[in-house]
Amino acid sequence: MLVHRAAGGVGHLAVQIAKARGAHVSGTARAAKHEFLRGLGADHLIDYTAEDFVASAGPVDVVLNLLGGEHGERSAAALRPDGLLIAAIGGNPGITAQRAAELGIRLQVVSVRPLARDLTELASLVEAGRLRVHVDQIVPLAEAAKAHELGQTGRTTGKIVLVP
């Protein structure tokens, strides 16, 4: 499995969940974040500023695309035939279902919909010490705009938490 933005708010959780399910996990992140990701269990790390993630990661069975745009089709190129591209971003996933079919891969666009059974499974991983949330910054609620701006940079490690 290849996880884009592996050190980010969603990515760092995806790495841990995939490892808990037995996946071999590759992740894209700047080199400065590689040690953090190794600590989460990532098997193969790709510095996207220095190497081509398609050549370095592929072919894989699953790509979790947290980038969208131009990375949609490039992520598809890292997949094995009939591989699964999961686009977990709002807006432009960078590839259409029709194009995915032409490439011989599957596309799943997802959004957050918490279900009790999923939350129970996540809680079990937390209790077993196999899933932890890394908090990058704590920001007062009065500065929510600042927190949003930080999140938009794509440079955070883990989550940004708002507090009253």
Protein backbone atom coordinates (compact mmCIF):
# COMPACT_ATOMS: atom_id res chain seq x y z
CA MET A 1 0.00 0.00 0.00
CA LEU A 2 1.16 3.52 -0.79
CA VAL A 3 -0.02 6.36 1.45
CA HIS A 4 0.43 9.94 0.24
CA ARG A 5 1.01 12.61 2.88
CA ALA A 6 1.86 9.76 5.19
CA ALA A 7 2.91 12.04 8.06
CA GLY A 8 -0.19 14.25 7.88
CA GLY A 9 -3.35 14.21 9.95
CA VAL A 10 -5.03 11.42 8.00
CA GLY A 11 -1.92 9.78 6.57
CA HIS A 12 -0.25 8.99 9.89
CA LEU A 13 -3.40 7.18 11.01
CA ALA A 14 -3.72 5.34 7.69
CA VAL A 15 -0.15 4.05 8.01
CA GLN A 16 -0.89 2.58 11.42
CA ILE A 17 -4.25 1.07 10.42
CA ALA A 18 -2.75 -0.51 7.31
CA LYS A 19 0.11 -1.99 9.37
CA ALA A 20 -2.37 -3.33 11.93
CA ARG A 21 -4.12 -5.11 9.06
CA GLY A 22 -0.87 -6.66 7.86
CA ALA A 23 -0.06 -4.43 4.88
CA HIS A 24 3.39 -3.53 3.63
CA VAL A 25 3.22 0.27 3.76
CA SER A 26 5.08 2.77 1.65
CA GLY A 27 4.57 6.44 2.36
CA THR A 28 5.38 9.75 0.75
CA ALA A 29 6.76 12.49 2.98
CA ARG A 30 9.70 14.85 3.18
CA ALA A 31 12.89 13.21 4.44
CA ALA A 32 12.65 15.10 7.74
CA LYS A 33 9.50 13.12 8.58
CA HIS A 34 10.85 9.66 7.74
CA GLU A 35 11.98 8.80 11.26
CA PHE A 36 8.52 9.70 12.60
CA LEU A 37 6.94 7.38 10.02
CA ARG A 38 9.35 4.55 10.76
CA GLY A 39 8.18 4.83 14.36
CA LEU A 40 4.61 4.30 13.14
CA GLY A 41 5.63 1.15 11.26
CA ALA A 42 6.06 2.38 7.67
CA ASP A 43 8.16 -0.06 5.68
CA HIS A 44 9.31 2.08 2.76
CA LEU A 45 9.57 5.86 2.73
CA ILE A 46 9.71 8.07 -0.32
CA ASP A 47 10.96 11.64 -0.22
CA TYR A 48 8.66 13.07 -2.86
CA THR A 49 10.95 16.12 -3.22
CA ALA A 50 13.87 13.94 -4.32
CA GLU A 51 12.42 10.87 -6.06
CA ASP A 52 9.53 9.76 -8.22
CA PHE A 53 6.99 7.98 -6.03
CA VAL A 54 5.67 5.92 -8.97
CA ALA A 55 9.08 4.39 -9.69
CA SER A 56 9.95 3.98 -6.02
CA ALA A 57 6.70 2.49 -4.73
CA GLY A 58 5.11 0.68 -7.62
CA PRO A 59 3.59 -1.59 -8.38
CA VAL A 60 1.30 -1.73 -5.35
CA ASP A 61 -2.20 -3.07 -4.73
CA VAL A 62 -3.63 0.05 -3.06
CA VAL A 63 -2.87 3.79 -3.13
CA LEU A 64 -4.44 6.15 -0.61
CA ASN A 65 -4.40 9.48 -2.43
CA LEU A 66 -4.65 12.38 -0.01
CA LEU A 67 -3.37 14.86 -2.61
CA GLY A 68 -5.72 14.86 -5.59
CA GLY A 69 -5.20 17.00 -8.66
CA GLU A 70 -2.28 15.93 -10.82
CA HIS A 71 -1.42 13.16 -8.37
CA GLY A 72 -4.57 11.17 -9.19
CA GLU A 73 -3.40 9.83 -12.52
CA ARG A 74 0.22 9.57 -11.36
CA SER A 75 -0.96 7.52 -8.37
CA ALA A 76 -2.85 5.23 -10.75
CA ALA A 77 0.46 4.55 -12.51
CA ALA A 78 1.85 3.08 -9.27
CA LEU A 79 -0.90 0.43 -9.14
CA ARG A 80 -0.87 -3.16 -10.32
CA PRO A 81 -3.60 -4.09 -12.80
CA ASP A 82 -6.94 -4.14 -10.96
CA GLY A 83 -5.35 -2.19 -8.09
CA LEU A 84 -7.42 0.14 -5.95
CA LEU A 85 -6.99 3.92 -5.91
CA ILE A 86 -8.69 5.45 -2.88
CA ALA A 87 -9.24 9.18 -3.21
CA ALA A 88 -9.91 10.57 0.24
CA ILE A 89 -9.97 14.24 -0.59
CA GLY A 90 -12.66 16.75 -1.36
CA GLY A 91 -12.79 18.47 -4.70
CA ASN A 92 -10.65 17.12 -7.52
CA PRO A 93 -9.40 13.52 -7.07
CA GLY A 94 -7.35 13.96 -10.25
CA ILE A 95 -8.89 11.04 -12.10
CA THR A 96 -12.35 10.02 -13.22
CA ALA A 97 -14.01 6.64 -12.87
CA GLN A 98 -13.97 6.35 -16.65
CA ARG A 99 -10.22 7.00 -16.82
CA ALA A 100 -9.59 4.53 -14.00
CA ALA A 101 -11.51 1.86 -15.93
CA GLU A 102 -9.45 2.63 -19.04
CA LEU A 103 -6.29 2.10 -16.98
CA GLY A 104 -7.60 -1.20 -15.60
CA ILE A 105 -7.78 -0.06 -11.99
CA ARG A 106 -10.55 0.53 -9.49
CA LEU A 107 -11.34 3.97 -8.06
CA GLN A 108 -13.09 4.62 -4.77
CA VAL A 109 -13.79 8.18 -3.69
CA VAL A 110 -14.42 8.25 0.06
CA SER A 111 -15.48 10.74 2.68
CA VAL A 112 -15.74 10.44 6.43
CA ARG A 113 -18.87 8.69 7.66
CA PRO A 114 -18.27 7.34 11.14
CA LEU A 115 -19.90 4.00 11.80
CA ALA A 116 -20.12 2.42 15.25
CA ARG A 117 -18.39 -0.80 14.17
CA ASP A 118 -15.49 1.14 12.60
CA LEU A 119 -15.08 3.30 15.69
CA THR A 120 -15.12 0.18 17.85
CA GLU A 121 -12.35 -1.34 15.73
CA LEU A 122 -10.30 1.86 15.97
CA ALA A 123 -10.80 1.95 19.75
CA SER A 124 -9.52 -1.63 19.93
CA LEU A 125 -6.37 -0.63 18.03
CA VAL A 126 -5.85 2.30 20.41
CA GLU A 127 -6.33 0.08 23.47
CA ALA A 128 -3.84 -2.44 22.02
CA GLY A 129 -1.28 0.32 21.48
CA ARG A 130 -1.36 -0.13 17.71
CA LEU A 131 -2.91 3.25 16.89
CA ARG A 132 -1.95 6.60 18.33
CA VAL A 133 -2.79 10.12 17.30
CA HIS A 134 0.13 12.50 16.99
CA VAL A 135 -0.76 16.11 17.84
CA ASP A 136 1.34 18.60 15.90
CA GLN A 137 -0.11 21.78 17.37
CA ILE A 138 -2.77 22.90 19.80
CA VAL A 139 -4.49 26.11 18.73
CA PRO A 140 -7.07 28.15 20.67
CA LEU A 141 -10.55 28.07 19.11
CA ALA A 142 -10.40 31.85 18.78
CA GLU A 143 -7.58 31.26 16.27
CA ALA A 144 -9.43 28.69 14.18
CA ALA A 145 -8.53 30.56 10.99
CA LYS A 146 -4.85 30.12 11.87
CA ALA A 147 -5.40 26.39 12.42
CA HIS A 148 -7.10 26.15 9.02
CA GLU A 149 -4.18 27.95 7.38
CA LEU A 150 -1.71 25.58 9.05
CA GLY A 151 -3.66 22.58 7.80
CA GLN A 152 -3.74 23.96 4.26
CA THR A 153 0.07 24.12 4.11
CA GLY A 154 0.33 20.34 3.90
CA ARG A 155 3.35 20.54 6.20
CA THR A 156 1.90 19.48 9.53
CA THR A 157 2.87 16.23 11.20
CA GLY A 158 -0.24 14.61 12.61
CA LYS A 159 -3.24 16.57 13.81
CA ILE A 160 -3.96 20.17 14.69
CA VAL A 161 -6.21 20.36 17.74
CA LEU A 162 -8.52 23.26 18.58
CA VAL A 163 -9.15 23.98 22.26
CA PRO A 164 -11.58 26.42 23.94
